[in-house]
Amino acid sequence: MIKSVVKNIGPQALSPEDNLIVLFNTDATPGLSECCVLQEVDGQPTFNLHVGDTISFDDQVYTIQTMGPLANKHLNEMAHVSVMFKEAPKENQIANALYVTPHHFPTIHEGTTITYS
């Protein structure tokens, strides 16, 4: 289990109509910070997520249905991943995305705990 805490939410980061949240570490550039949710990961864990694992925002639990081939790599390098609250398309999937169910957008705020398990 890996935990992180939301440290900042950019003014353009939460767009329920887009059904996605872009997570990034707190070293994101000011331009990226505008459209990302910045997370601080506890320690220096190694992400090794798989289909069927979960990501939780406080007590809101989502199951990974599909994941892009770069998701774990980008999480390990930059705590960066796109969480998609919709079905994965057959083609042109986002390479660093986690496509999760259920498809409803979570409620998050600064201080939200994100748990990967």
PDB file of N, CA and C in Angstrom:
ATOM      1  N   MET A   1       0.843  -1.174   0.000  1.00  0.00           N
ATOM      2  CA  MET A   1       0.000   0.000   0.000  1.00  0.00           C
ATOM      3  C   MET A   1       0.892   1.242   0.000  1.00  0.00           C
ATOM      4  N   ILE A   2       0.570   2.171  -0.870  1.00  0.00           N
ATOM      5  CA  ILE A   2       1.307   3.429  -0.968  1.00  0.00           C
ATOM      6  C   ILE A   2       0.316   4.558  -0.715  1.00  0.00           C
ATOM      7  N   LYS A   3       0.741   5.521   0.091  1.00  0.00           N
ATOM      8  CA  LYS A   3      -0.130   6.655   0.400  1.00  0.00           C
ATOM      9  C   LYS A   3       0.523   7.960  -0.012  1.00  0.00           C
ATOM     10  N   SER A   4      -0.330   8.909  -0.374  1.00  0.00           N
ATOM     11  CA  SER A   4       0.110  10.263  -0.644  1.00  0.00           C
ATOM     12  C   SER A   4      -0.943  11.215  -0.095  1.00  0.00           C
ATOM     13  N   VAL A   5      -0.575  12.496  -0.048  1.00  0.00           N
ATOM     14  CA  VAL A   5      -1.491  13.531   0.429  1.00  0.00           C
ATOM     15  C   VAL A   5      -1.565  14.626  -0.628  1.00  0.00           C
ATOM     16  N   VAL A   6      -2.771  15.088  -0.912  1.00  0.00           N
ATOM     17  CA  VAL A   6      -2.957  16.199  -1.845  1.00  0.00           C
ATOM     18  C   VAL A   6      -2.465  17.469  -1.174  1.00  0.00           C
ATOM     19  N   LYS A   7      -1.480  18.112  -1.812  1.00  0.00           N
ATOM     20  CA  LYS A   7      -0.886  19.331  -1.270  1.00  0.00           C
ATOM     21  C   LYS A   7      -1.401  20.592  -1.942  1.00  0.00           C
ATOM     22  N   ASN A   8      -1.811  20.470  -3.209  1.00  0.00           N
ATOM     23  CA  ASN A   8      -2.297  21.637  -3.929  1.00  0.00           C
ATOM     24  C   ASN A   8      -3.188  21.178  -5.075  1.00  0.00           C
ATOM     25  N   ILE A   9      -4.226  21.953  -5.333  1.00  0.00           N
ATOM     26  CA  ILE A   9      -5.114  21.682  -6.458  1.00  0.00           C
ATOM     27  C   ILE A   9      -5.102  22.920  -7.341  1.00  0.00           C
ATOM     28  N   GLY A  10      -4.581  22.773  -8.555  1.00  0.00           N
ATOM     29  CA  GLY A  10      -4.519  23.893  -9.485  1.00  0.00           C
ATOM     30  C   GLY A  10      -5.909  24.394  -9.838  1.00  0.00           C
ATOM     31  N   PRO A  11      -6.030  25.669 -10.184  1.00  0.00           N
ATOM     32  CA  PRO A  11      -7.349  26.245 -10.475  1.00  0.00           C
ATOM     33  C   PRO A  11      -8.055  25.606 -11.665  1.00  0.00           C
ATOM     34  N   GLN A  12      -7.324  24.941 -12.545  1.00  0.00           N
ATOM     35  CA  GLN A  12      -7.934  24.275 -13.698  1.00  0.00           C
ATOM     36  C   GLN A  12      -7.841  22.751 -13.581  1.00  0.00           C
ATOM     37  N   ALA A  13      -7.539  22.248 -12.395  1.00  0.00           N
ATOM     38  CA  ALA A  13      -7.265  20.814 -12.223  1.00  0.00           C
ATOM     39  C   ALA A  13      -8.511  19.946 -12.157  1.00  0.00           C
ATOM     40  N   LEU A  14      -9.570  20.430 -11.565  1.00  0.00           N
ATOM     41  CA  LEU A  14     -10.747  19.588 -11.363  1.00  0.00           C
ATOM     42  C   LEU A  14     -11.842  19.972 -12.342  1.00  0.00           C
ATOM     43  N   SER A  15     -12.058  19.104 -13.296  1.00  0.00           N
ATOM     44  CA  SER A  15     -13.063  19.332 -14.318  1.00  0.00           C
ATOM     45  C   SER A  15     -13.879  18.055 -14.473  1.00  0.00           C
ATOM     46  N   PRO A  16     -14.946  17.922 -13.679  1.00  0.00           N
ATOM     47  CA  PRO A  16     -15.735  16.686 -13.740  1.00  0.00           C
ATOM     48  C   PRO A  16     -16.230  16.332 -15.141  1.00  0.00           C
ATOM     49  N   GLU A  17     -16.470  17.341 -15.982  1.00  0.00           N
ATOM     50  CA  GLU A  17     -16.939  17.021 -17.339  1.00  0.00           C
ATOM     51  C   GLU A  17     -15.858  16.324 -18.168  1.00  0.00           C
ATOM     52  N   ASP A  18     -14.591  16.499 -17.811  1.00  0.00           N
ATOM     53  CA  ASP A  18     -13.506  15.787 -18.489  1.00  0.00           C
ATOM     54  C   ASP A  18     -13.298  14.386 -17.924  1.00  0.00           C
ATOM     55  N   ASN A  19     -13.849  14.118 -16.748  1.00  0.00           N
ATOM     56  CA  ASN A  19     -13.731  12.812 -16.090  1.00  0.00           C
ATOM     57  C   ASN A  19     -12.295  12.367 -15.897  1.00  0.00           C
ATOM     58  N   LEU A  20     -11.407  13.308 -15.550  1.00  0.00           N
ATOM     59  CA  LEU A  20     -10.033  12.918 -15.287  1.00  0.00           C
ATOM     60  C   LEU A  20      -9.403  13.825 -14.245  1.00  0.00           C
ATOM     61  N   ILE A  21      -8.439  13.264 -13.543  1.00  0.00           N
ATOM     62  CA  ILE A  21      -7.595  14.008 -12.613  1.00  0.00           C
ATOM     63  C   ILE A  21      -6.153  13.689 -12.981  1.00  0.00           C
ATOM     64  N   VAL A  22      -5.346  14.726 -13.169  1.00  0.00           N
ATOM     65  CA  VAL A  22      -3.934  14.546 -13.464  1.00  0.00           C
ATOM     66  C   VAL A  22      -3.175  14.781 -12.152  1.00  0.00           C
ATOM     67  N   LEU A  23      -2.500  13.741 -11.683  1.00  0.00           N
ATOM     68  CA  LEU A  23      -1.714  13.811 -10.452  1.00  0.00           C
ATOM     69  C   LEU A  23      -0.251  14.003 -10.809  1.00  0.00           C
ATOM     70  N   PHE A  24       0.435  14.783  -9.989  1.00  0.00           N
ATOM     71  CA  PHE A  24       1.852  15.060 -10.210  1.00  0.00           C
ATOM     72  C   PHE A  24       2.482  15.309  -8.851  1.00  0.00           C
ATOM     73  N   ASN A  25       3.813  15.133  -8.773  1.00  0.00           N
ATOM     74  CA  ASN A  25       4.489  15.423  -7.501  1.00  0.00           C
ATOM     75  C   ASN A  25       4.555  16.932  -7.270  1.00  0.00           C
ATOM     76  N   THR A  26       5.022  17.326  -6.117  1.00  0.00           N
ATOM     77  CA  THR A  26       5.038  18.742  -5.750  1.00  0.00           C
ATOM     78  C   THR A  26       6.137  19.527  -6.452  1.00  0.00           C
ATOM     79  N   ASP A  27       6.964  18.867  -7.269  1.00  0.00           N
ATOM     80  CA  ASP A  27       8.007  19.546  -8.047  1.00  0.00           C
ATOM     81  C   ASP A  27       7.504  20.007  -9.408  1.00  0.00           C
ATOM     82  N   ALA A  28       6.216  19.883  -9.669  1.00  0.00           N
ATOM     83  CA  ALA A  28       5.674  20.279 -10.972  1.00  0.00           C
ATOM     84  C   ALA A  28       5.947  21.753 -11.233  1.00  0.00           C
ATOM     85  N   THR A  29       6.156  22.077 -12.494  1.00  0.00           N
ATOM     86  CA  THR A  29       6.396  23.469 -12.872  1.00  0.00           C
ATOM     87  C   THR A  29       5.139  24.289 -12.624  1.00  0.00           C
ATOM     88  N   PRO A  30       5.274  25.604 -12.503  1.00  0.00           N
ATOM     89  CA  PRO A  30       4.084  26.442 -12.291  1.00  0.00           C
ATOM     90  C   PRO A  30       3.010  26.240 -13.369  1.00  0.00           C
ATOM     91  N   GLY A  31       3.424  26.073 -14.619  1.00  0.00           N
ATOM     92  CA  GLY A  31       2.450  25.842 -15.684  1.00  0.00           C
ATOM     93  C   GLY A  31       1.675  24.553 -15.498  1.00  0.00           C
ATOM     94  N   LEU A  32       2.367  23.481 -15.152  1.00  0.00           N
ATOM     95  CA  LEU A  32       1.699  22.197 -14.878  1.00  0.00           C
ATOM     96  C   LEU A  32       0.822  22.277 -13.644  1.00  0.00           C
ATOM     97  N   SER A  33       1.280  22.995 -12.640  1.00  0.00           N
ATOM     98  CA  SER A  33       0.545  23.094 -11.382  1.00  0.00           C
ATOM     99  C   SER A  33      -0.844  23.685 -11.568  1.00  0.00           C
ATOM    100  N   GLU A  34      -1.017  24.474 -12.612  1.00  0.00           N
ATOM    101  CA  GLU A  34      -2.319  25.096 -12.886  1.00  0.00           C
ATOM    102  C   GLU A  34      -3.398  24.051 -13.189  1.00  0.00           C
ATOM    103  N   CYS A  35      -2.996  22.940 -13.831  1.00  0.00           N
ATOM    104  CA  CYS A  35      -3.991  21.967 -14.270  1.00  0.00           C
ATOM    105  C   CYS A  35      -3.808  20.594 -13.623  1.00  0.00           C
ATOM    106  N   CYS A  36      -3.034  20.531 -12.540  1.00  0.00           N
ATOM    107  CA  CYS A  36      -2.765  19.250 -11.879  1.00  0.00           C
ATOM    108  C   CYS A  36      -3.151  19.289 -10.406  1.00  0.00           C
ATOM    109  N   VAL A  37      -3.315  18.105  -9.862  1.00  0.00           N
ATOM    110  CA  VAL A  37      -3.431  17.915  -8.426  1.00  0.00           C
ATOM    111  C   VAL A  37      -2.058  17.456  -7.961  1.00  0.00           C
ATOM    112  N   LEU A  38      -1.443  18.241  -7.096  1.00  0.00           N
ATOM    113  CA  LEU A  38      -0.092  17.909  -6.630  1.00  0.00           C
ATOM    114  C   LEU A  38      -0.185  17.040  -5.387  1.00  0.00           C
ATOM    115  N   GLN A  39       0.544  15.926  -5.428  1.00  0.00           N
ATOM    116  CA  GLN A  39       0.538  14.977  -4.317  1.00  0.00           C
ATOM    117  C   GLN A  39       1.946  14.809  -3.765  1.00  0.00           C
ATOM    118  N   GLU A  40       2.007  14.576  -2.477  1.00  0.00           N
ATOM    119  CA  GLU A  40       3.275  14.270  -1.818  1.00  0.00           C
ATOM    120  C   GLU A  40       3.194  12.827  -1.355  1.00  0.00           C
ATOM    121  N   VAL A  41       4.052  11.983  -1.934  1.00  0.00           N
ATOM    122  CA  VAL A  41       4.043  10.553  -1.642  1.00  0.00           C
ATOM    123  C   VAL A  41       4.865  10.291  -0.392  1.00  0.00           C
ATOM    124  N   ASP A  42       4.330   9.434   0.500  1.00  0.00           N
ATOM    125  CA  ASP A  42       5.055   9.052   1.715  1.00  0.00           C
ATOM    126  C   ASP A  42       6.266   8.208   1.351  1.00  0.00           C
ATOM    127  N   GLY A  43       7.449   8.637   1.775  1.00  0.00           N
ATOM    128  CA  GLY A  43       8.672   7.874   1.537  1.00  0.00           C
ATOM    129  C   GLY A  43       9.044   7.843   0.071  1.00  0.00           C
ATOM    130  N   GLN A  44       9.761   6.789  -0.318  1.00  0.00           N
ATOM    131  CA  GLN A  44      10.165   6.590  -1.707  1.00  0.00           C
ATOM    132  C   GLN A  44       9.773   5.186  -2.149  1.00  0.00           C
ATOM    133  N   PRO A  45       8.477   4.937  -2.213  1.00  0.00           N
ATOM    134  CA  PRO A  45       8.016   3.588  -2.564  1.00  0.00           C
ATOM    135  C   PRO A  45       8.192   3.297  -4.050  1.00  0.00           C
ATOM    136  N   THR A  46       8.073   2.027  -4.400  1.00  0.00           N
ATOM    137  CA  THR A  46       8.079   1.611  -5.796  1.00  0.00           C
ATOM    138  C   THR A  46       6.647   1.256  -6.179  1.00  0.00           C
ATOM    139  N   PHE A  47       6.116   1.989  -7.153  1.00  0.00           N
ATOM    140  CA  PHE A  47       4.774   1.696  -7.652  1.00  0.00           C
ATOM    141  C   PHE A  47       4.843   0.487  -8.569  1.00  0.00           C
ATOM    142  N   ASN A  48       3.933  -0.444  -8.360  1.00  0.00           N
ATOM    143  CA  ASN A  48       3.814  -1.628  -9.195  1.00  0.00           C
ATOM    144  C   ASN A  48       2.332  -2.011  -9.268  1.00  0.00           C
ATOM    145  N   LEU A  49       1.543  -1.076  -9.785  1.00  0.00           N
ATOM    146  CA  LEU A  49       0.101  -1.279  -9.860  1.00  0.00           C
ATOM    147  C   LEU A  49      -0.256  -2.221 -10.999  1.00  0.00           C
ATOM    148  N   HIS A  50      -1.396  -2.899 -10.845  1.00  0.00           N
ATOM    149  CA  HIS A  50      -1.909  -3.826 -11.845  1.00  0.00           C
ATOM    150  C   HIS A  50      -3.411  -3.619 -11.997  1.00  0.00           C
ATOM    151  N   VAL A  51      -3.960  -4.108 -13.092  1.00  0.00           N
ATOM    152  CA  VAL A  51      -5.408  -4.138 -13.265  1.00  0.00           C
ATOM    153  C   VAL A  51      -5.996  -4.919 -12.091  1.00  0.00           C
ATOM    154  N   GLY A  52      -7.060  -4.384 -11.496  1.00  0.00           N
ATOM    155  CA  GLY A  52      -7.691  -5.004 -10.338  1.00  0.00           C
ATOM    156  C   GLY A  52      -7.282  -4.357  -9.028  1.00  0.00           C
ATOM    157  N   ASP A  53      -6.155  -3.623  -9.023  1.00  0.00           N
ATOM    158  CA  ASP A  53      -5.752  -2.880  -7.824  1.00  0.00           C
ATOM    159  C   ASP A  53      -6.675  -1.671  -7.665  1.00  0.00           C
ATOM    160  N   THR A  54      -6.526  -0.968  -6.552  1.00  0.00           N
ATOM    161  CA  THR A  54      -7.409   0.161  -6.285  1.00  0.00           C
ATOM    162  C   THR A  54      -6.629   1.448  -6.035  1.00  0.00           C
ATOM    163  N   ILE A  55      -7.318   2.549  -6.264  1.00  0.00           N
ATOM    164  CA  ILE A  55      -6.850   3.870  -5.872  1.00  0.00           C
ATOM    165  C   ILE A  55      -8.014   4.508  -5.126  1.00  0.00           C
ATOM    166  N   SER A  56      -7.717   5.064  -3.960  1.00  0.00           N
ATOM    167  CA  SER A  56      -8.754   5.671  -3.125  1.00  0.00           C
ATOM    168  C   SER A  56      -8.433   7.128  -2.867  1.00  0.00           C
ATOM    169  N   PHE A  57      -9.461   7.936  -2.880  1.00  0.00           N
ATOM    170  CA  PHE A  57      -9.375   9.340  -2.495  1.00  0.00           C
ATOM    171  C   PHE A  57     -10.168   9.441  -1.206  1.00  0.00           C
ATOM    172  N   ASP A  58      -9.457   9.521  -0.063  1.00  0.00           N
ATOM    173  CA  ASP A  58     -10.072   9.366   1.256  1.00  0.00           C
ATOM    174  C   ASP A  58     -10.842   8.050   1.255  1.00  0.00           C
ATOM    175  N   ASP A  59     -12.162   8.077   1.436  1.00  0.00           N
ATOM    176  CA  ASP A  59     -12.910   6.814   1.516  1.00  0.00           C
ATOM    177  C   ASP A  59     -13.625   6.454   0.205  1.00  0.00           C
ATOM    178  N   GLN A  60     -13.276   7.116  -0.886  1.00  0.00           N
ATOM    179  CA  GLN A  60     -13.867   6.848  -2.201  1.00  0.00           C
ATOM    180  C   GLN A  60     -12.933   5.898  -2.954  1.00  0.00           C
ATOM    181  N   VAL A  61     -13.367   4.662  -3.159  1.00  0.00           N
ATOM    182  CA  VAL A  61     -12.507   3.612  -3.708  1.00  0.00           C
ATOM    183  C   VAL A  61     -12.838   3.362  -5.175  1.00  0.00           C
ATOM    184  N   TYR A  62     -11.785   3.272  -5.992  1.00  0.00           N
ATOM    185  CA  TYR A  62     -11.906   3.022  -7.426  1.00  0.00           C
ATOM    186  C   TYR A  62     -11.019   1.836  -7.796  1.00  0.00           C
ATOM    187  N   THR A  63     -11.504   0.996  -8.699  1.00  0.00           N
ATOM    188  CA  THR A  63     -10.761  -0.175  -9.149  1.00  0.00           C
ATOM    189  C   THR A  63     -10.178   0.092 -10.531  1.00  0.00           C
ATOM    190  N   ILE A  64      -8.906  -0.247 -10.700  1.00  0.00           N
ATOM    191  CA  ILE A  64      -8.234  -0.062 -11.985  1.00  0.00           C
ATOM    192  C   ILE A  64      -8.730  -1.132 -12.952  1.00  0.00           C
ATOM    193  N   GLN A  65      -9.346  -0.689 -14.057  1.00  0.00           N
ATOM    194  CA  GLN A  65      -9.867  -1.590 -15.083  1.00  0.00           C
ATOM    195  C   GLN A  65      -8.878  -1.773 -16.236  1.00  0.00           C
ATOM    196  N   THR A  66      -8.192  -0.696 -16.586  1.00  0.00           N
ATOM    197  CA  THR A  66      -7.207  -0.692 -17.665  1.00  0.00           C
ATOM    198  C   THR A  66      -6.127   0.287 -17.259  1.00  0.00           C
ATOM    199  N   MET A  67      -4.886   0.009 -17.635  1.00  0.00           N
ATOM    200  CA  MET A  67      -3.824   0.967 -17.334  1.00  0.00           C
ATOM    201  C   MET A  67      -2.844   1.058 -18.488  1.00  0.00           C
ATOM    202  N   GLY A  68      -2.365   2.266 -18.695  1.00  0.00           N
ATOM    203  CA  GLY A  68      -1.398   2.496 -19.754  1.00  0.00           C
ATOM    204  C   GLY A  68      -0.033   1.922 -19.405  1.00  0.00           C
ATOM    205  N   PRO A  69       0.780   1.641 -20.409  1.00  0.00           N
ATOM    206  CA  PRO A  69       2.078   1.011 -20.185  1.00  0.00           C
ATOM    207  C   PRO A  69       3.090   1.895 -19.441  1.00  0.00           C
ATOM    208  N   LEU A  70       2.849   3.187 -19.379  1.00  0.00           N
ATOM    209  CA  LEU A  70       3.786   4.085 -18.692  1.00  0.00           C
ATOM    210  C   LEU A  70       3.317   4.514 -17.301  1.00  0.00           C
ATOM    211  N   ALA A  71       2.171   4.030 -16.856  1.00  0.00           N
ATOM    212  CA  ALA A  71       1.608   4.490 -15.581  1.00  0.00           C
ATOM    213  C   ALA A  71       2.573   4.263 -14.409  1.00  0.00           C
ATOM    214  N   ASN A  72       3.047   3.054 -14.216  1.00  0.00           N
ATOM    215  CA  ASN A  72       3.955   2.788 -13.088  1.00  0.00           C
ATOM    216  C   ASN A  72       5.271   3.552 -13.234  1.00  0.00           C
ATOM    217  N   LYS A  73       5.810   3.604 -14.443  1.00  0.00           N
ATOM    218  CA  LYS A  73       7.076   4.308 -14.686  1.00  0.00           C
ATOM    219  C   LYS A  73       6.951   5.779 -14.292  1.00  0.00           C
ATOM    220  N   HIS A  74       5.898   6.443 -14.745  1.00  0.00           N
ATOM    221  CA  HIS A  74       5.718   7.865 -14.433  1.00  0.00           C
ATOM    222  C   HIS A  74       5.394   8.090 -12.957  1.00  0.00           C
ATOM    223  N   LEU A  75       4.660   7.164 -12.352  1.00  0.00           N
ATOM    224  CA  LEU A  75       4.418   7.280 -10.903  1.00  0.00           C
ATOM    225  C   LEU A  75       5.735   7.188 -10.146  1.00  0.00           C
ATOM    226  N   ASN A  76       6.594   6.278 -10.539  1.00  0.00           N
ATOM    227  CA  ASN A  76       7.878   6.119  -9.852  1.00  0.00           C
ATOM    228  C   ASN A  76       8.813   7.303 -10.079  1.00  0.00           C
ATOM    229  N   GLU A  77       8.775   7.888 -11.261  1.00  0.00           N
ATOM    230  CA  GLU A  77       9.689   8.985 -11.580  1.00  0.00           C
ATOM    231  C   GLU A  77       9.203  10.347 -11.089  1.00  0.00           C
ATOM    232  N   MET A  78       7.885  10.597 -11.197  1.00  0.00           N
ATOM    233  CA  MET A  78       7.362  11.945 -10.942  1.00  0.00           C
ATOM    234  C   MET A  78       6.067  11.961 -10.145  1.00  0.00           C
ATOM    235  N   ALA A  79       5.674  10.815  -9.601  1.00  0.00           N
ATOM    236  CA  ALA A  79       4.366  10.684  -8.950  1.00  0.00           C
ATOM    237  C   ALA A  79       3.274  11.195  -9.881  1.00  0.00           C
ATOM    238  N   HIS A  80       3.436  10.922 -11.174  1.00  0.00           N
ATOM    239  CA  HIS A  80       2.535  11.443 -12.208  1.00  0.00           C
ATOM    240  C   HIS A  80       1.711  10.335 -12.826  1.00  0.00           C
ATOM    241  N   VAL A  81       0.403  10.552 -12.852  1.00  0.00           N
ATOM    242  CA  VAL A  81      -0.512   9.632 -13.515  1.00  0.00           C
ATOM    243  C   VAL A  81      -1.807  10.391 -13.800  1.00  0.00           C
ATOM    244  N   SER A  82      -2.490   9.987 -14.861  1.00  0.00           N
ATOM    245  CA  SER A  82      -3.816  10.524 -15.162  1.00  0.00           C
ATOM    246  C   SER A  82      -4.832   9.481 -14.747  1.00  0.00           C
ATOM    247  N   VAL A  83      -5.765   9.863 -13.886  1.00  0.00           N
ATOM    248  CA  VAL A  83      -6.812   8.944 -13.443  1.00  0.00           C
ATOM    249  C   VAL A  83      -8.066   9.287 -14.240  1.00  0.00           C
ATOM    250  N   MET A  84      -8.521   8.319 -15.021  1.00  0.00           N
ATOM    251  CA  MET A  84      -9.650   8.505 -15.930  1.00  0.00           C
ATOM    252  C   MET A  84     -10.878   7.796 -15.361  1.00  0.00           C
ATOM    253  N   PHE A  85     -11.935   8.553 -15.153  1.00  0.00           N
ATOM    254  CA  PHE A  85     -13.175   8.014 -14.589  1.00  0.00           C
ATOM    255  C   PHE A  85     -14.160   7.714 -15.715  1.00  0.00           C
ATOM    256  N   LYS A  86     -13.710   6.876 -16.657  1.00  0.00           N
ATOM    257  CA  LYS A  86     -14.523   6.493 -17.808  1.00  0.00           C
ATOM    258  C   LYS A  86     -13.919   5.237 -18.423  1.00  0.00           C
ATOM    259  N   GLU A  87     -14.663   4.630 -19.344  1.00  0.00           N
ATOM    260  CA  GLU A  87     -14.176   3.444 -20.044  1.00  0.00           C
ATOM    261  C   GLU A  87     -12.948   3.798 -20.873  1.00  0.00           C
ATOM    262  N   ALA A  88     -12.027   2.879 -20.944  1.00  0.00           N
ATOM    263  CA  ALA A  88     -10.851   3.063 -21.803  1.00  0.00           C
ATOM    264  C   ALA A  88     -11.270   2.906 -23.258  1.00  0.00           C
ATOM    265  N   PRO A  89     -10.820   3.806 -24.118  1.00  0.00           N
ATOM    266  CA  PRO A  89     -11.142   3.634 -25.540  1.00  0.00           C
ATOM    267  C   PRO A  89     -10.401   2.424 -26.110  1.00  0.00           C
ATOM    268  N   LYS A  90     -10.913   1.891 -27.182  1.00  0.00           N
ATOM    269  CA  LYS A  90     -10.262   0.734 -27.835  1.00  0.00           C
ATOM    270  C   LYS A  90      -8.912   1.127 -28.421  1.00  0.00           C
ATOM    271  N   GLU A  91      -8.807   2.368 -28.898  1.00  0.00           N
ATOM    272  CA  GLU A  91      -7.567   2.880 -29.480  1.00  0.00           C
ATOM    273  C   GLU A  91      -7.227   4.211 -28.830  1.00  0.00           C
ATOM    274  N   ASN A  92      -5.982   4.599 -28.947  1.00  0.00           N
ATOM    275  CA  ASN A  92      -5.508   5.897 -28.451  1.00  0.00           C
ATOM    276  C   ASN A  92      -5.704   6.104 -26.948  1.00  0.00           C
ATOM    277  N   GLN A  93      -5.445   5.053 -26.182  1.00  0.00           N
ATOM    278  CA  GLN A  93      -5.474   5.199 -24.732  1.00  0.00           C
ATOM    279  C   GLN A  93      -4.306   6.072 -24.289  1.00  0.00           C
ATOM    280  N   ILE A  94      -4.495   6.784 -23.214  1.00  0.00           N
ATOM    281  CA  ILE A  94      -3.422   7.606 -22.660  1.00  0.00           C
ATOM    282  C   ILE A  94      -2.395   6.672 -22.024  1.00  0.00           C
ATOM    283  N   ALA A  95      -1.138   6.818 -22.398  1.00  0.00           N
ATOM    284  CA  ALA A  95      -0.081   5.879 -22.008  1.00  0.00           C
ATOM    285  C   ALA A  95       0.204   5.870 -20.518  1.00  0.00           C
ATOM    286  N   ASN A  96      -0.078   6.976 -19.817  1.00  0.00           N
ATOM    287  CA  ASN A  96       0.214   7.009 -18.379  1.00  0.00           C
ATOM    288  C   ASN A  96      -1.077   7.043 -17.561  1.00  0.00           C
ATOM    289  N   ALA A  97      -2.152   6.499 -18.097  1.00  0.00           N
ATOM    290  CA  ALA A  97      -3.448   6.601 -17.426  1.00  0.00           C
ATOM    291  C   ALA A  97      -3.830   5.346 -16.666  1.00  0.00           C
ATOM    292  N   LEU A  98      -4.625   5.577 -15.628  1.00  0.00           N
ATOM    293  CA  LEU A  98      -5.345   4.521 -14.933  1.00  0.00           C
ATOM    294  C   LEU A  98      -6.819   4.756 -15.245  1.00  0.00           C
ATOM    295  N   TYR A  99      -7.459   3.828 -15.923  1.00  0.00           N
ATOM    296  CA  TYR A  99      -8.891   3.906 -16.208  1.00  0.00           C
ATOM    297  C   TYR A  99      -9.597   3.129 -15.102  1.00  0.00           C
ATOM    298  N   VAL A 100     -10.473   3.795 -14.366  1.00  0.00           N
ATOM    299  CA  VAL A 100     -11.027   3.213 -13.146  1.00  0.00           C
ATOM    300  C   VAL A 100     -12.554   3.161 -13.183  1.00  0.00           C
ATOM    301  N   THR A 101     -13.096   2.302 -12.318  1.00  0.00           N
ATOM    302  CA  THR A 101     -14.526   2.265 -12.042  1.00  0.00           C
ATOM    303  C   THR A 101     -14.709   2.383 -10.538  1.00  0.00           C
ATOM    304  N   PRO A 102     -15.805   2.935 -10.067  1.00  0.00           N
ATOM    305  CA  PRO A 102     -16.918   3.479 -10.840  1.00  0.00           C
ATOM    306  C   PRO A 102     -16.506   4.745 -11.584  1.00  0.00           C
ATOM    307  N   HIS A 103     -17.374   5.193 -12.471  1.00  0.00           N
ATOM    308  CA  HIS A 103     -17.053   6.314 -13.340  1.00  0.00           C
ATOM    309  C   HIS A 103     -17.482   7.665 -12.782  1.00  0.00           C
ATOM    310  N   HIS A 104     -17.859   7.734 -11.524  1.00  0.00           N
ATOM    311  CA  HIS A 104     -18.209   9.047 -10.964  1.00  0.00           C
ATOM    312  C   HIS A 104     -16.955   9.742 -10.427  1.00  0.00           C
ATOM    313  N   PHE A 105     -16.949  11.047 -10.570  1.00  0.00           N
ATOM    314  CA  PHE A 105     -15.804  11.888 -10.200  1.00  0.00           C
ATOM    315  C   PHE A 105     -15.726  12.007  -8.676  1.00  0.00           C
ATOM    316  N   PRO A 106     -14.537  11.868  -8.082  1.00  0.00           N
ATOM    317  CA  PRO A 106     -14.433  11.941  -6.619  1.00  0.00           C
ATOM    318  C   PRO A 106     -14.461  13.383  -6.111  1.00  0.00           C
ATOM    319  N   THR A 107     -14.736  13.500  -4.840  1.00  0.00           N
ATOM    320  CA  THR A 107     -14.602  14.780  -4.150  1.00  0.00           C
ATOM    321  C   THR A 107     -13.229  14.777  -3.504  1.00  0.00           C
ATOM    322  N   ILE A 108     -12.398  15.751  -3.855  1.00  0.00           N
ATOM    323  CA  ILE A 108     -11.076  15.847  -3.231  1.00  0.00           C
ATOM    324  C   ILE A 108     -10.814  17.289  -2.824  1.00  0.00           C
ATOM    325  N   HIS A 109      -9.864  17.462  -1.937  1.00  0.00           N
ATOM    326  CA  HIS A 109      -9.484  18.770  -1.421  1.00  0.00           C
ATOM    327  C   HIS A 109      -8.031  18.686  -0.953  1.00  0.00           C
ATOM    328  N   GLU A 110      -7.434  19.825  -0.663  1.00  0.00           N
ATOM    329  CA  GLU A 110      -6.084  19.773  -0.080  1.00  0.00           C
ATOM    330  C   GLU A 110      -6.189  19.013   1.223  1.00  0.00           C
ATOM    331  N   GLY A 111      -5.285  18.053   1.402  1.00  0.00           N
ATOM    332  CA  GLY A 111      -5.324  17.195   2.579  1.00  0.00           C
ATOM    333  C   GLY A 111      -5.936  15.831   2.322  1.00  0.00           C
ATOM    334  N   THR A 112      -6.579  15.638   1.160  1.00  0.00           N
ATOM    335  CA  THR A 112      -7.124  14.325   0.822  1.00  0.00           C
ATOM    336  C   THR A 112      -5.995  13.307   0.797  1.00  0.00           C
ATOM    337  N   THR A 113      -6.245  12.137   1.380  1.00  0.00           N
ATOM    338  CA  THR A 113      -5.279  11.043   1.333  1.00  0.00           C
ATOM    339  C   THR A 113      -5.597  10.170   0.132  1.00  0.00           C
ATOM    340  N   ILE A 114      -4.577   9.918  -0.688  1.00  0.00           N
ATOM    341  CA  ILE A 114      -4.713   9.022  -1.831  1.00  0.00           C
ATOM    342  C   ILE A 114      -4.000   7.728  -1.469  1.00  0.00           C
ATOM    343  N   THR A 115      -4.680   6.612  -1.625  1.00  0.00           N
ATOM    344  CA  THR A 115      -4.101   5.307  -1.296  1.00  0.00           C
ATOM    345  C   THR A 115      -4.106   4.440  -2.543  1.00  0.00           C
ATOM    346  N   TYR A 116      -2.939   3.904  -2.853  1.00  0.00           N
ATOM    347  CA  TYR A 116      -2.774   2.984  -3.983  1.00  0.00           C
ATOM    348  C   TYR A 116      -2.569   1.596  -3.391  1.00  0.00           C
ATOM    349  N   SER A 117      -3.439   0.643  -3.738  1.00  0.00           N
ATOM    350  CA  SER A 117      -3.278  -0.714  -3.181  1.00  0.00           C
ATOM    351  C   SER A 117      -3.846  -1.768  -4.112  1.00  0.00           C
TER     352      SER A 117
END
